[in-house]
Amino acid sequence: MEIIDVEKILAEVAPTSESISVGVVDAETAHKAISLRVLTVDDSSVARKQVTRCLQTVGVEVVALNDGRQALDYLRKLVDDGKKPEEE
């Protein structure tokens, strides 16, 4: 039996725009976004890439991980390091 990643195939065959429409994000919001770091977690590589690209478009720093275990390990490492996420 073979597992097919339909979402990935559709993204390759019929790619969607990952840009943010003009006017959706105003200048003030974009300026605030530059100082943000967002942790996004999804088992779909296509979804992770879409979210990452959209957020990066407005200047957000993105940490994209595959699953909850990776996210928990990442957050625990931050706590163990004694650093806030924005200091890493």
C-alpha atoms as a PDB file:
ATOM      1  CA  MET A   1       0.000   0.000   0.000  1.00  0.00           C
ATOM      2  CA  GLU A   2       1.275   3.456  -0.886  1.00  0.00           C
ATOM      3  CA  ILE A   3       0.399   6.651   0.949  1.00  0.00           C
ATOM      4  CA  ILE A   4      -0.217   9.628  -1.303  1.00  0.00           C
ATOM      5  CA  ASP A   5       0.091  13.195  -0.034  1.00  0.00           C
ATOM      6  CA  VAL A   6      -2.836  14.693  -1.938  1.00  0.00           C
ATOM      7  CA  GLU A   7      -2.294  18.154  -0.460  1.00  0.00           C
ATOM      8  CA  LYS A   8       1.308  18.210  -1.676  1.00  0.00           C
ATOM      9  CA  ILE A   9       0.336  17.001  -5.150  1.00  0.00           C
ATOM     10  CA  LEU A  10      -2.384  19.658  -5.448  1.00  0.00           C
ATOM     11  CA  ALA A  11       0.054  22.357  -4.325  1.00  0.00           C
ATOM     12  CA  GLU A  12       2.468  21.296  -7.064  1.00  0.00           C
ATOM     13  CA  VAL A  13      -0.170  20.940  -9.793  1.00  0.00           C
ATOM     14  CA  ALA A  14      -2.254  24.010  -8.934  1.00  0.00           C
ATOM     15  CA  PRO A  15      -0.209  26.302  -6.688  1.00  0.00           C
ATOM     16  CA  THR A  16      -2.041  28.972  -4.743  1.00  0.00           C
ATOM     17  CA  SER A  17      -0.931  32.501  -4.072  1.00  0.00           C
ATOM     18  CA  GLU A  18       0.688  32.855  -0.679  1.00  0.00           C
ATOM     19  CA  SER A  19       0.963  36.607  -0.805  1.00  0.00           C
ATOM     20  CA  ILE A  20      -1.133  38.866   1.357  1.00  0.00           C
ATOM     21  CA  SER A  21      -3.554  41.107  -0.507  1.00  0.00           C
ATOM     22  CA  VAL A  22      -2.853  44.823  -0.542  1.00  0.00           C
ATOM     23  CA  GLY A  23      -4.750  46.579   2.222  1.00  0.00           C
ATOM     24  CA  VAL A  24      -5.101  43.534   4.462  1.00  0.00           C
ATOM     25  CA  VAL A  25      -2.157  44.570   6.618  1.00  0.00           C
ATOM     26  CA  ASP A  26      -1.739  48.262   7.334  1.00  0.00           C
ATOM     27  CA  ALA A  27       1.620  49.949   7.948  1.00  0.00           C
ATOM     28  CA  GLU A  28       1.217  50.001  11.739  1.00  0.00           C
ATOM     29  CA  THR A  29       0.461  46.278  11.905  1.00  0.00           C
ATOM     30  CA  ALA A  30       3.354  45.474   9.572  1.00  0.00           C
ATOM     31  CA  HIS A  31       5.695  47.549  11.757  1.00  0.00           C
ATOM     32  CA  LYS A  32       4.593  45.661  14.885  1.00  0.00           C
ATOM     33  CA  ALA A  33       4.922  42.304  13.115  1.00  0.00           C
ATOM     34  CA  ILE A  34       8.651  42.795  12.583  1.00  0.00           C
ATOM     35  CA  SER A  35       9.260  42.277  16.307  1.00  0.00           C
ATOM     36  CA  LEU A  36       7.252  39.039  16.495  1.00  0.00           C
ATOM     37  CA  ARG A  37       8.330  35.411  16.467  1.00  0.00           C
ATOM     38  CA  VAL A  38       5.589  32.872  15.805  1.00  0.00           C
ATOM     39  CA  LEU A  39       5.674  29.135  16.421  1.00  0.00           C
ATOM     40  CA  THR A  40       3.548  27.300  13.873  1.00  0.00           C
ATOM     41  CA  VAL A  41       2.985  23.556  14.035  1.00  0.00           C
ATOM     42  CA  ASP A  42       1.395  21.407  11.347  1.00  0.00           C
ATOM     43  CA  ASP A  43       2.021  17.913  10.057  1.00  0.00           C
ATOM     44  CA  SER A  44       1.407  19.163   6.521  1.00  0.00           C
ATOM     45  CA  SER A  45       4.546  20.540   4.887  1.00  0.00           C
ATOM     46  CA  VAL A  46       2.353  22.444   2.431  1.00  0.00           C
ATOM     47  CA  ALA A  47       0.417  24.153   5.229  1.00  0.00           C
ATOM     48  CA  ARG A  48       3.630  24.976   7.121  1.00  0.00           C
ATOM     49  CA  LYS A  49       5.128  26.560   4.008  1.00  0.00           C
ATOM     50  CA  GLN A  50       1.981  28.584   3.285  1.00  0.00           C
ATOM     51  CA  VAL A  51       1.724  29.930   6.823  1.00  0.00           C
ATOM     52  CA  THR A  52       5.465  30.623   6.976  1.00  0.00           C
ATOM     53  CA  ARG A  53       5.534  32.537   3.696  1.00  0.00           C
ATOM     54  CA  CYS A  54       2.486  34.628   4.578  1.00  0.00           C
ATOM     55  CA  LEU A  55       3.877  35.586   7.972  1.00  0.00           C
ATOM     56  CA  GLN A  56       7.342  36.288   6.596  1.00  0.00           C
ATOM     57  CA  THR A  57       5.774  38.587   3.999  1.00  0.00           C
ATOM     58  CA  VAL A  58       4.875  41.010   6.798  1.00  0.00           C
ATOM     59  CA  GLY A  59       8.179  40.550   8.607  1.00  0.00           C
ATOM     60  CA  VAL A  60       7.273  37.975  11.248  1.00  0.00           C
ATOM     61  CA  GLU A  61      10.026  35.550  12.229  1.00  0.00           C
ATOM     62  CA  VAL A  62       8.642  32.018  11.987  1.00  0.00           C
ATOM     63  CA  VAL A  63       9.629  28.781  13.680  1.00  0.00           C
ATOM     64  CA  ALA A  64       7.797  26.021  11.790  1.00  0.00           C
ATOM     65  CA  LEU A  65       7.692  22.507  13.219  1.00  0.00           C
ATOM     66  CA  ASN A  66       6.109  19.211  12.151  1.00  0.00           C
ATOM     67  CA  ASP A  67       4.251  18.098  15.254  1.00  0.00           C
ATOM     68  CA  GLY A  68       3.348  18.737  18.850  1.00  0.00           C
ATOM     69  CA  ARG A  69       6.295  16.729  20.174  1.00  0.00           C
ATOM     70  CA  GLN A  70       8.762  18.935  18.294  1.00  0.00           C
ATOM     71  CA  ALA A  71       6.942  22.044  19.512  1.00  0.00           C
ATOM     72  CA  LEU A  72       7.025  20.856  23.120  1.00  0.00           C
ATOM     73  CA  ASP A  73      10.730  20.001  22.847  1.00  0.00           C
ATOM     74  CA  TYR A  74      11.416  23.438  21.344  1.00  0.00           C
ATOM     75  CA  LEU A  75       9.519  25.230  24.118  1.00  0.00           C
ATOM     76  CA  ARG A  76      11.163  23.127  26.842  1.00  0.00           C
ATOM     77  CA  LYS A  77      14.573  23.977  25.406  1.00  0.00           C
ATOM     78  CA  LEU A  78      13.715  27.672  25.638  1.00  0.00           C
ATOM     79  CA  VAL A  79      12.717  27.234  29.282  1.00  0.00           C
ATOM     80  CA  ASP A  80      15.829  25.161  30.051  1.00  0.00           C
ATOM     81  CA  ASP A  81      18.026  27.813  28.448  1.00  0.00           C
ATOM     82  CA  GLY A  82      16.407  30.397  30.697  1.00  0.00           C
ATOM     83  CA  LYS A  83      15.703  32.565  27.684  1.00  0.00           C
ATOM     84  CA  LYS A  84      12.506  34.105  26.508  1.00  0.00           C
ATOM     85  CA  PRO A  85      11.637  33.153  22.909  1.00  0.00           C
ATOM     86  CA  GLU A  86      12.441  36.672  21.735  1.00  0.00           C
ATOM     87  CA  GLU A  87      15.940  36.422  23.248  1.00  0.00           C
ATOM     88  CA  GLU A  88      16.942  33.230  21.456  1.00  0.00           C
END
